[in-house]
Amino acid sequence: MKIKKIIISSFIIMCVSIVLGKVLNNWVLSIKICGSIALVCFGLAGTLNGTFISKKRFRSVTSIDKENDKMVRSKITNFAMVVGSTNTILAVIISFLIK
């Protein structure tokens, strides 16, 4: 995916969170939504890029992957990191604004 599409997808998710917080007048819900999405995205990215397993095991698992599989894994990891980062930033901003 191109970075522009990733950022647009991330902002759509963030807007849904903000709208829910405003409509329900519950900004803590927005923080929980953004935080949960960020945690899931960081967990997915960490799993796909081998953060949670040893280097030796990751190398053996990825050595049988085709080049296309590596590209797909890299694209998903990048998408998850951008979405997770922007949602984390939004959760922190909302947290500071409501206090």
PDB file of N, CA and C in Angstrom:
ATOM      1  N   MET A   1       0.843  -1.194   0.000  1.00  0.00           N
ATOM      2  CA  MET A   1       0.000   0.000   0.000  1.00  0.00           C
ATOM      3  C   MET A   1       0.879   1.245   0.000  1.00  0.00           C
ATOM      4  N   LYS A   2       0.375   2.239  -0.626  1.00  0.00           N
ATOM      5  CA  LYS A   2       1.101   3.496  -0.621  1.00  0.00           C
ATOM      6  C   LYS A   2       0.858   4.194   0.712  1.00  0.00           C
ATOM      7  N   ILE A   3       1.815   5.000   1.104  1.00  0.00           N
ATOM      8  CA  ILE A   3       1.760   5.660   2.401  1.00  0.00           C
ATOM      9  C   ILE A   3       0.542   6.581   2.503  1.00  0.00           C
ATOM     10  N   LYS A   4       0.133   7.156   1.384  1.00  0.00           N
ATOM     11  CA  LYS A   4      -1.034   8.048   1.388  1.00  0.00           C
ATOM     12  C   LYS A   4      -2.302   7.282   1.767  1.00  0.00           C
ATOM     13  N   LYS A   5      -2.462   6.078   1.225  1.00  0.00           N
ATOM     14  CA  LYS A   5      -3.629   5.261   1.556  1.00  0.00           C
ATOM     15  C   LYS A   5      -3.599   4.820   3.009  1.00  0.00           C
ATOM     16  N   ILE A   6      -2.407   4.526   3.492  1.00  0.00           N
ATOM     17  CA  ILE A   6      -2.270   4.099   4.883  1.00  0.00           C
ATOM     18  C   ILE A   6      -2.668   5.236   5.825  1.00  0.00           C
ATOM     19  N   ILE A   7      -2.195   6.418   5.553  1.00  0.00           N
ATOM     20  CA  ILE A   7      -2.507   7.569   6.409  1.00  0.00           C
ATOM     21  C   ILE A   7      -3.988   7.899   6.329  1.00  0.00           C
ATOM     22  N   ILE A   8      -4.590   7.822   5.168  1.00  0.00           N
ATOM     23  CA  ILE A   8      -6.027   8.076   5.028  1.00  0.00           C
ATOM     24  C   ILE A   8      -6.824   7.046   5.822  1.00  0.00           C
ATOM     25  N   SER A   9      -6.431   5.777   5.744  1.00  0.00           N
ATOM     26  CA  SER A   9      -7.109   4.732   6.522  1.00  0.00           C
ATOM     27  C   SER A   9      -6.989   5.000   8.014  1.00  0.00           C
ATOM     28  N   SER A  10      -5.814   5.422   8.431  1.00  0.00           N
ATOM     29  CA  SER A  10      -5.589   5.716   9.846  1.00  0.00           C
ATOM     30  C   SER A  10      -6.458   6.881  10.313  1.00  0.00           C
ATOM     31  N   PHE A  11      -6.545   7.929   9.501  1.00  0.00           N
ATOM     32  CA  PHE A  11      -7.370   9.078   9.880  1.00  0.00           C
ATOM     33  C   PHE A  11      -8.855   8.742   9.890  1.00  0.00           C
ATOM     34  N   ILE A  12      -9.293   7.839   9.049  1.00  0.00           N
ATOM     35  CA  ILE A  12     -10.693   7.405   9.082  1.00  0.00           C
ATOM     36  C   ILE A  12     -10.990   6.702  10.405  1.00  0.00           C
ATOM     37  N   ILE A  13     -10.088   5.827  10.818  1.00  0.00           N
ATOM     38  CA  ILE A  13     -10.258   5.140  12.102  1.00  0.00           C
ATOM     39  C   ILE A  13     -10.269   6.145  13.245  1.00  0.00           C
ATOM     40  N   MET A  14      -9.370   7.127  13.174  1.00  0.00           N
ATOM     41  CA  MET A  14      -9.314   8.139  14.228  1.00  0.00           C
ATOM     42  C   MET A  14     -10.577   8.995  14.249  1.00  0.00           C
ATOM     43  N   CYS A  15     -11.099   9.336  13.080  1.00  0.00           N
ATOM     44  CA  CYS A  15     -12.317  10.150  13.017  1.00  0.00           C
ATOM     45  C   CYS A  15     -13.509   9.402  13.609  1.00  0.00           C
ATOM     46  N   VAL A  16     -13.604   8.111  13.341  1.00  0.00           N
ATOM     47  CA  VAL A  16     -14.685   7.307  13.916  1.00  0.00           C
ATOM     48  C   VAL A  16     -14.587   7.335  15.438  1.00  0.00           C
ATOM     49  N   SER A  17     -13.383   7.228  15.960  1.00  0.00           N
ATOM     50  CA  SER A  17     -13.180   7.272  17.403  1.00  0.00           C
ATOM     51  C   SER A  17     -13.577   8.625  17.989  1.00  0.00           C
ATOM     52  N   ILE A  18     -13.204   9.682  17.317  1.00  0.00           N
ATOM     53  CA  ILE A  18     -13.541  11.032  17.793  1.00  0.00           C
ATOM     54  C   ILE A  18     -15.043  11.264  17.735  1.00  0.00           C
ATOM     55  N   VAL A  19     -15.683  10.837  16.659  1.00  0.00           N
ATOM     56  CA  VAL A  19     -17.133  11.011  16.520  1.00  0.00           C
ATOM     57  C   VAL A  19     -17.863  10.233  17.613  1.00  0.00           C
ATOM     58  N   LEU A  20     -17.440   9.009  17.878  1.00  0.00           N
ATOM     59  CA  LEU A  20     -18.064   8.231  18.959  1.00  0.00           C
ATOM     60  C   LEU A  20     -17.897   8.919  20.309  1.00  0.00           C
ATOM     61  N   GLY A  21     -16.712   9.442  20.560  1.00  0.00           N
ATOM     62  CA  GLY A  21     -16.480  10.149  21.814  1.00  0.00           C
ATOM     63  C   GLY A  21     -17.342  11.393  21.944  1.00  0.00           C
ATOM     64  N   LYS A  22     -17.508  12.121  20.858  1.00  0.00           N
ATOM     65  CA  LYS A  22     -18.312  13.343  20.874  1.00  0.00           C
ATOM     66  C   LYS A  22     -19.796  13.028  21.000  1.00  0.00           C
ATOM     67  N   VAL A  23     -20.278  12.059  20.215  1.00  0.00           N
ATOM     68  CA  VAL A  23     -21.707  11.722  20.235  1.00  0.00           C
ATOM     69  C   VAL A  23     -22.118  11.165  21.598  1.00  0.00           C
ATOM     70  N   LEU A  24     -21.296  10.283  22.138  1.00  0.00           N
ATOM     71  CA  LEU A  24     -21.625   9.680  23.429  1.00  0.00           C
ATOM     72  C   LEU A  24     -21.156  10.518  24.613  1.00  0.00           C
ATOM     73  N   ASN A  25     -20.468  11.626  24.317  1.00  0.00           N
ATOM     74  CA  ASN A  25     -19.923  12.508  25.341  1.00  0.00           C
ATOM     75  C   ASN A  25     -19.077  11.713  26.343  1.00  0.00           C
ATOM     76  N   ASN A  26     -18.267  10.820  25.798  1.00  0.00           N
ATOM     77  CA  ASN A  26     -17.420   9.957  26.607  1.00  0.00           C
ATOM     78  C   ASN A  26     -16.043   9.884  25.941  1.00  0.00           C
ATOM     79  N   TRP A  27     -15.175  10.818  26.316  1.00  0.00           N
ATOM     80  CA  TRP A  27     -13.861  10.880  25.691  1.00  0.00           C
ATOM     81  C   TRP A  27     -12.961   9.741  26.140  1.00  0.00           C
ATOM     82  N   VAL A  28     -13.257   9.162  27.276  1.00  0.00           N
ATOM     83  CA  VAL A  28     -12.480   8.002  27.725  1.00  0.00           C
ATOM     84  C   VAL A  28     -12.689   6.834  26.757  1.00  0.00           C
ATOM     85  N   LEU A  29     -13.886   6.720  26.211  1.00  0.00           N
ATOM     86  CA  LEU A  29     -14.161   5.693  25.216  1.00  0.00           C
ATOM     87  C   LEU A  29     -13.281   5.888  23.984  1.00  0.00           C
ATOM     88  N   SER A  30     -13.099   7.126  23.564  1.00  0.00           N
ATOM     89  CA  SER A  30     -12.214   7.411  22.424  1.00  0.00           C
ATOM     90  C   SER A  30     -10.781   7.005  22.724  1.00  0.00           C
ATOM     91  N   ILE A  31     -10.342   7.287  23.932  1.00  0.00           N
ATOM     92  CA  ILE A  31      -8.982   6.897  24.329  1.00  0.00           C
ATOM     93  C   ILE A  31      -8.849   5.381  24.325  1.00  0.00           C
ATOM     94  N   LYS A  32      -9.865   4.687  24.824  1.00  0.00           N
ATOM     95  CA  LYS A  32      -9.820   3.222  24.855  1.00  0.00           C
ATOM     96  C   LYS A  32      -9.827   2.639  23.451  1.00  0.00           C
ATOM     97  N   ILE A  33     -10.625   3.207  22.558  1.00  0.00           N
ATOM     98  CA  ILE A  33     -10.676   2.714  21.181  1.00  0.00           C
ATOM     99  C   ILE A  33      -9.323   2.914  20.502  1.00  0.00           C
ATOM    100  N   CYS A  34      -8.792   4.132  20.602  1.00  0.00           N
ATOM    101  CA  CYS A  34      -7.495   4.418  19.970  1.00  0.00           C
ATOM    102  C   CYS A  34      -6.382   3.570  20.587  1.00  0.00           C
ATOM    103  N   GLY A  35      -6.390   3.448  21.892  1.00  0.00           N
ATOM    104  CA  GLY A  35      -5.372   2.648  22.563  1.00  0.00           C
ATOM    105  C   GLY A  35      -5.457   1.181  22.206  1.00  0.00           C
ATOM    106  N   SER A  36      -6.672   0.663  22.122  1.00  0.00           N
ATOM    107  CA  SER A  36      -6.845  -0.751  21.761  1.00  0.00           C
ATOM    108  C   SER A  36      -6.391  -1.021  20.333  1.00  0.00           C
ATOM    109  N   ILE A  37      -6.755  -0.135  19.440  1.00  0.00           N
ATOM    110  CA  ILE A  37      -6.323  -0.292  18.049  1.00  0.00           C
ATOM    111  C   ILE A  37      -4.804  -0.222  17.956  1.00  0.00           C
ATOM    112  N   ALA A  38      -4.213   0.698  18.705  1.00  0.00           N
ATOM    113  CA  ALA A  38      -2.749   0.827  18.691  1.00  0.00           C
ATOM    114  C   ALA A  38      -2.083  -0.439  19.232  1.00  0.00           C
ATOM    115  N   LEU A  39      -2.596  -0.980  20.321  1.00  0.00           N
ATOM    116  CA  LEU A  39      -2.006  -2.199  20.879  1.00  0.00           C
ATOM    117  C   LEU A  39      -2.109  -3.376  19.921  1.00  0.00           C
ATOM    118  N   VAL A  40      -3.258  -3.523  19.287  1.00  0.00           N
ATOM    119  CA  VAL A  40      -3.437  -4.608  18.323  1.00  0.00           C
ATOM    120  C   VAL A  40      -2.482  -4.422  17.141  1.00  0.00           C
ATOM    121  N   CYS A  41      -2.376  -3.210  16.646  1.00  0.00           N
ATOM    122  CA  CYS A  41      -1.493  -2.950  15.507  1.00  0.00           C
ATOM    123  C   CYS A  41      -0.033  -3.190  15.864  1.00  0.00           C
ATOM    124  N   PHE A  42       0.408  -2.733  17.033  1.00  0.00           N
ATOM    125  CA  PHE A  42       1.792  -2.960  17.438  1.00  0.00           C
ATOM    126  C   PHE A  42       2.061  -4.444  17.668  1.00  0.00           C
ATOM    127  N   GLY A  43       1.085  -5.163  18.212  1.00  0.00           N
ATOM    128  CA  GLY A  43       1.234  -6.609  18.389  1.00  0.00           C
ATOM    129  C   GLY A  43       1.347  -7.328  17.060  1.00  0.00           C
ATOM    130  N   LEU A  44       0.514  -6.929  16.096  1.00  0.00           N
ATOM    131  CA  LEU A  44       0.563  -7.523  14.765  1.00  0.00           C
ATOM    132  C   LEU A  44       1.900  -7.234  14.089  1.00  0.00           C
ATOM    133  N   ALA A  45       2.342  -5.987  14.166  1.00  0.00           N
ATOM    134  CA  ALA A  45       3.615  -5.621  13.546  1.00  0.00           C
ATOM    135  C   ALA A  45       4.777  -6.359  14.204  1.00  0.00           C
ATOM    136  N   GLY A  46       4.745  -6.468  15.518  1.00  0.00           N
ATOM    137  CA  GLY A  46       5.805  -7.187  16.222  1.00  0.00           C
ATOM    138  C   GLY A  46       5.839  -8.657  15.884  1.00  0.00           C
ATOM    139  N   THR A  47       4.673  -9.241  15.716  1.00  0.00           N
ATOM    140  CA  THR A  47       4.600 -10.657  15.350  1.00  0.00           C
ATOM    141  C   THR A  47       5.121 -10.879  13.929  1.00  0.00           C
ATOM    142  N   LEU A  48       4.729 -10.016  13.017  1.00  0.00           N
ATOM    143  CA  LEU A  48       5.131 -10.204  11.628  1.00  0.00           C
ATOM    144  C   LEU A  48       6.604  -9.926  11.371  1.00  0.00           C
ATOM    145  N   ASN A  49       7.214  -9.018  12.126  1.00  0.00           N
ATOM    146  CA  ASN A  49       8.625  -8.739  11.857  1.00  0.00           C
ATOM    147  C   ASN A  49       9.564  -9.507  12.779  1.00  0.00           C
ATOM    148  N   GLY A  50       9.043 -10.430  13.589  1.00  0.00           N
ATOM    149  CA  GLY A  50       9.880 -11.327  14.370  1.00  0.00           C
ATOM    150  C   GLY A  50      10.383 -10.772  15.682  1.00  0.00           C
ATOM    151  N   THR A  51       9.746  -9.772  16.223  1.00  0.00           N
ATOM    152  CA  THR A  51      10.181  -9.183  17.475  1.00  0.00           C
ATOM    153  C   THR A  51      10.018 -10.142  18.650  1.00  0.00           C
ATOM    154  N   PHE A  52       8.997 -10.965  18.623  1.00  0.00           N
ATOM    155  CA  PHE A  52       8.669 -11.801  19.771  1.00  0.00           C
ATOM    156  C   PHE A  52       9.292 -13.193  19.730  1.00  0.00           C
ATOM    157  N   ILE A  53      10.110 -13.476  18.706  1.00  0.00           N
ATOM    158  CA  ILE A  53      10.786 -14.777  18.646  1.00  0.00           C
ATOM    159  C   ILE A  53      12.282 -14.539  18.453  1.00  0.00           C
ATOM    160  N   SER A  54      13.058 -15.583  18.655  1.00  0.00           N
ATOM    161  CA  SER A  54      14.510 -15.439  18.543  1.00  0.00           C
ATOM    162  C   SER A  54      14.919 -15.199  17.086  1.00  0.00           C
ATOM    163  N   LYS A  55      16.096 -14.619  16.948  1.00  0.00           N
ATOM    164  CA  LYS A  55      16.598 -14.295  15.610  1.00  0.00           C
ATOM    165  C   LYS A  55      16.815 -15.567  14.782  1.00  0.00           C
ATOM    166  N   LYS A  56      17.303 -16.603  15.436  1.00  0.00           N
ATOM    167  CA  LYS A  56      17.571 -17.861  14.738  1.00  0.00           C
ATOM    168  C   LYS A  56      16.276 -18.491  14.223  1.00  0.00           C
ATOM    169  N   ARG A  57      15.273 -18.478  15.060  1.00  0.00           N
ATOM    170  CA  ARG A  57      13.988 -19.063  14.656  1.00  0.00           C
ATOM    171  C   ARG A  57      13.338 -18.240  13.545  1.00  0.00           C
ATOM    172  N   PHE A  58      13.395 -16.918  13.656  1.00  0.00           N
ATOM    173  CA  PHE A  58      12.806 -16.062  12.635  1.00  0.00           C
ATOM    174  C   PHE A  58      13.508 -16.274  11.293  1.00  0.00           C
ATOM    175  N   ARG A  59      14.826 -16.408  11.324  1.00  0.00           N
ATOM    176  CA  ARG A  59      15.584 -16.628  10.101  1.00  0.00           C
ATOM    177  C   ARG A  59      15.197 -17.955   9.451  1.00  0.00           C
ATOM    178  N   SER A  60      14.998 -18.983  10.271  1.00  0.00           N
ATOM    179  CA  SER A  60      14.630 -20.277   9.705  1.00  0.00           C
ATOM    180  C   SER A  60      13.205 -20.271   9.150  1.00  0.00           C
ATOM    181  N   VAL A  61      12.320 -19.526   9.789  1.00  0.00           N
ATOM    182  CA  VAL A  61      10.939 -19.445   9.314  1.00  0.00           C
ATOM    183  C   VAL A  61      10.853 -18.641   8.023  1.00  0.00           C
ATOM    184  N   THR A  62      11.595 -17.556   7.950  1.00  0.00           N
ATOM    185  CA  THR A  62      11.506 -16.694   6.773  1.00  0.00           C
ATOM    186  C   THR A  62      12.369 -17.171   5.619  1.00  0.00           C
ATOM    187  N   SER A  63      13.277 -18.124   5.857  1.00  0.00           N
ATOM    188  CA  SER A  63      14.141 -18.586   4.770  1.00  0.00           C
ATOM    189  C   SER A  63      13.352 -19.351   3.702  1.00  0.00           C
ATOM    190  N   ILE A  64      12.225 -19.921   4.081  1.00  0.00           N
ATOM    191  CA  ILE A  64      11.427 -20.670   3.106  1.00  0.00           C
ATOM    192  C   ILE A  64      10.364 -19.796   2.435  1.00  0.00           C
ATOM    193  N   ASP A  65      10.244 -18.544   2.874  1.00  0.00           N
ATOM    194  CA  ASP A  65       9.265 -17.635   2.281  1.00  0.00           C
ATOM    195  C   ASP A  65       9.697 -17.201   0.889  1.00  0.00           C
ATOM    196  N   LYS A  66       8.711 -16.989   0.054  1.00  0.00           N
ATOM    197  CA  LYS A  66       8.964 -16.451  -1.269  1.00  0.00           C
ATOM    198  C   LYS A  66       9.082 -14.938  -1.160  1.00  0.00           C
ATOM    199  N   GLU A  67       9.627 -14.328  -2.187  1.00  0.00           N
ATOM    200  CA  GLU A  67       9.821 -12.876  -2.182  1.00  0.00           C
ATOM    201  C   GLU A  67       8.490 -12.143  -2.048  1.00  0.00           C
ATOM    202  N   ASN A  68       7.438 -12.659  -2.662  1.00  0.00           N
ATOM    203  CA  ASN A  68       6.120 -12.039  -2.583  1.00  0.00           C
ATOM    204  C   ASN A  68       5.594 -12.068  -1.144  1.00  0.00           C
ATOM    205  N   ASP A  69       5.835 -13.171  -0.440  1.00  0.00           N
ATOM    206  CA  ASP A  69       5.385 -13.274   0.952  1.00  0.00           C
ATOM    207  C   ASP A  69       6.092 -12.247   1.829  1.00  0.00           C
ATOM    208  N   LYS A  70       7.380 -12.042   1.579  1.00  0.00           N
ATOM    209  CA  LYS A  70       8.140 -11.060   2.354  1.00  0.00           C
ATOM    210  C   LYS A  70       7.615  -9.648   2.104  1.00  0.00           C
ATOM    211  N   MET A  71       7.268  -9.372   0.851  1.00  0.00           N
ATOM    212  CA  MET A  71       6.735  -8.044   0.533  1.00  0.00           C
ATOM    213  C   MET A  71       5.388  -7.816   1.201  1.00  0.00           C
ATOM    214  N   VAL A  72       4.536  -8.827   1.187  1.00  0.00           N
ATOM    215  CA  VAL A  72       3.225  -8.707   1.822  1.00  0.00           C
ATOM    216  C   VAL A  72       3.387  -8.500   3.321  1.00  0.00           C
ATOM    217  N   ARG A  73       4.280  -9.277   3.944  1.00  0.00           N
ATOM    218  CA  ARG A  73       4.512  -9.136   5.379  1.00  0.00           C
ATOM    219  C   ARG A  73       5.048  -7.744   5.713  1.00  0.00           C
ATOM    220  N   SER A  74       5.934  -7.235   4.875  1.00  0.00           N
ATOM    221  CA  SER A  74       6.484  -5.902   5.077  1.00  0.00           C
ATOM    222  C   SER A  74       5.415  -4.823   4.934  1.00  0.00           C
ATOM    223  N   LYS A  75       4.536  -4.963   3.952  1.00  0.00           N
ATOM    224  CA  LYS A  75       3.462  -3.983   3.761  1.00  0.00           C
ATOM    225  C   LYS A  75       2.493  -3.984   4.938  1.00  0.00           C
ATOM    226  N   ILE A  76       2.144  -5.173   5.423  1.00  0.00           N
ATOM    227  CA  ILE A  76       1.231  -5.252   6.568  1.00  0.00           C
ATOM    228  C   ILE A  76       1.881  -4.666   7.812  1.00  0.00           C
ATOM    229  N   THR A  77       3.168  -4.936   7.992  1.00  0.00           N
ATOM    230  CA  THR A  77       3.888  -4.391   9.140  1.00  0.00           C
ATOM    231  C   THR A  77       3.922  -2.870   9.082  1.00  0.00           C
ATOM    232  N   ASN A  78       4.228  -2.322   7.919  1.00  0.00           N
ATOM    233  CA  ASN A  78       4.256  -0.862   7.775  1.00  0.00           C
ATOM    234  C   ASN A  78       2.881  -0.253   8.035  1.00  0.00           C
ATOM    235  N   PHE A  79       1.839  -0.873   7.493  1.00  0.00           N
ATOM    236  CA  PHE A  79       0.477  -0.390   7.714  1.00  0.00           C
ATOM    237  C   PHE A  79       0.143  -0.395   9.206  1.00  0.00           C
ATOM    238  N   ALA A  80       0.459  -1.499   9.873  1.00  0.00           N
ATOM    239  CA  ALA A  80       0.139  -1.618  11.294  1.00  0.00           C
ATOM    240  C   ALA A  80       0.912  -0.592  12.122  1.00  0.00           C
ATOM    241  N   MET A  81       2.158  -0.347  11.782  1.00  0.00           N
ATOM    242  CA  MET A  81       2.950   0.622  12.538  1.00  0.00           C
ATOM    243  C   MET A  81       2.431   2.046  12.366  1.00  0.00           C
ATOM    244  N   VAL A  82       2.051   2.408  11.155  1.00  0.00           N
ATOM    245  CA  VAL A  82       1.533   3.765  10.933  1.00  0.00           C
ATOM    246  C   VAL A  82       0.187   3.948  11.640  1.00  0.00           C
ATOM    247  N   VAL A  83      -0.702   2.990  11.492  1.00  0.00           N
ATOM    248  CA  VAL A  83      -2.009   3.087  12.144  1.00  0.00           C
ATOM    249  C   VAL A  83      -1.848   3.081  13.667  1.00  0.00           C
ATOM    250  N   GLY A  84      -0.994   2.218  14.183  1.00  0.00           N
ATOM    251  CA  GLY A  84      -0.758   2.168  15.622  1.00  0.00           C
ATOM    252  C   GLY A  84      -0.153   3.455  16.162  1.00  0.00           C
ATOM    253  N   SER A  85       0.790   4.015  15.426  1.00  0.00           N
ATOM    254  CA  SER A  85       1.443   5.252  15.866  1.00  0.00           C
ATOM    255  C   SER A  85       0.471   6.431  15.883  1.00  0.00           C
ATOM    256  N   THR A  86      -0.303   6.582  14.818  1.00  0.00           N
ATOM    257  CA  THR A  86      -1.232   7.721  14.774  1.00  0.00           C
ATOM    258  C   THR A  86      -2.323   7.581  15.830  1.00  0.00           C
ATOM    259  N   ASN A  87      -2.783   6.367  16.090  1.00  0.00           N
ATOM    260  CA  ASN A  87      -3.794   6.183  17.123  1.00  0.00           C
ATOM    261  C   ASN A  87      -3.223   6.409  18.515  1.00  0.00           C
ATOM    262  N   THR A  88      -1.967   6.060  18.720  1.00  0.00           N
ATOM    263  CA  THR A  88      -1.317   6.341  19.998  1.00  0.00           C
ATOM    264  C   THR A  88      -1.210   7.848  20.220  1.00  0.00           C
ATOM    265  N   ILE A  89      -0.802   8.553  19.187  1.00  0.00           N
ATOM    266  CA  ILE A  89      -0.684  10.012  19.289  1.00  0.00           C
ATOM    267  C   ILE A  89      -2.039  10.635  19.592  1.00  0.00           C
ATOM    268  N   LEU A  90      -3.086  10.179  18.917  1.00  0.00           N
ATOM    269  CA  LEU A  90      -4.424  10.719  19.173  1.00  0.00           C
ATOM    270  C   LEU A  90      -4.880  10.427  20.598  1.00  0.00           C
ATOM    271  N   ALA A  91      -4.624   9.223  21.088  1.00  0.00           N
ATOM    272  CA  ALA A  91      -5.020   8.875  22.456  1.00  0.00           C
ATOM    273  C   ALA A  91      -4.312   9.766  23.469  1.00  0.00           C
ATOM    274  N   VAL A  92      -3.038  10.037  23.239  1.00  0.00           N
ATOM    275  CA  VAL A  92      -2.284  10.912  24.150  1.00  0.00           C
ATOM    276  C   VAL A  92      -2.817  12.336  24.089  1.00  0.00           C
ATOM    277  N   ILE A  93      -3.111  12.833  22.901  1.00  0.00           N
ATOM    278  CA  ILE A  93      -3.642  14.196  22.755  1.00  0.00           C
ATOM    279  C   ILE A  93      -4.990  14.323  23.451  1.00  0.00           C
ATOM    280  N   ILE A  94      -5.883  13.373  23.233  1.00  0.00           N
ATOM    281  CA  ILE A  94      -7.201  13.420  23.889  1.00  0.00           C
ATOM    282  C   ILE A  94      -7.036  13.344  25.411  1.00  0.00           C
ATOM    283  N   SER A  95      -6.108  12.528  25.843  1.00  0.00           N
ATOM    284  CA  SER A  95      -5.873  12.384  27.281  1.00  0.00           C
ATOM    285  C   SER A  95      -5.438  13.717  27.903  1.00  0.00           C
ATOM    286  N   PHE A  96      -4.550  14.418  27.224  1.00  0.00           N
ATOM    287  CA  PHE A  96      -4.100  15.727  27.732  1.00  0.00           C
ATOM    288  C   PHE A  96      -5.226  16.759  27.671  1.00  0.00           C
ATOM    289  N   LEU A  97      -6.068  16.701  26.648  1.00  0.00           N
ATOM    290  CA  LEU A  97      -7.135  17.691  26.502  1.00  0.00           C
ATOM    291  C   LEU A  97      -8.253  17.538  27.518  1.00  0.00           C
ATOM    292  N   ILE A  98      -8.540  16.314  27.955  1.00  0.00           N
ATOM    293  CA  ILE A  98      -9.656  16.144  28.878  1.00  0.00           C
ATOM    294  C   ILE A  98      -9.237  16.355  30.338  1.00  0.00           C
ATOM    295  N   LYS A  99      -7.943  16.437  30.596  1.00  0.00           N
ATOM    296  CA  LYS A  99      -7.503  16.651  31.981  1.00  0.00           C
ATOM    297  C   LYS A  99      -7.380  18.089  32.332  1.00  0.00           C
TER     298      LYS A  99
END
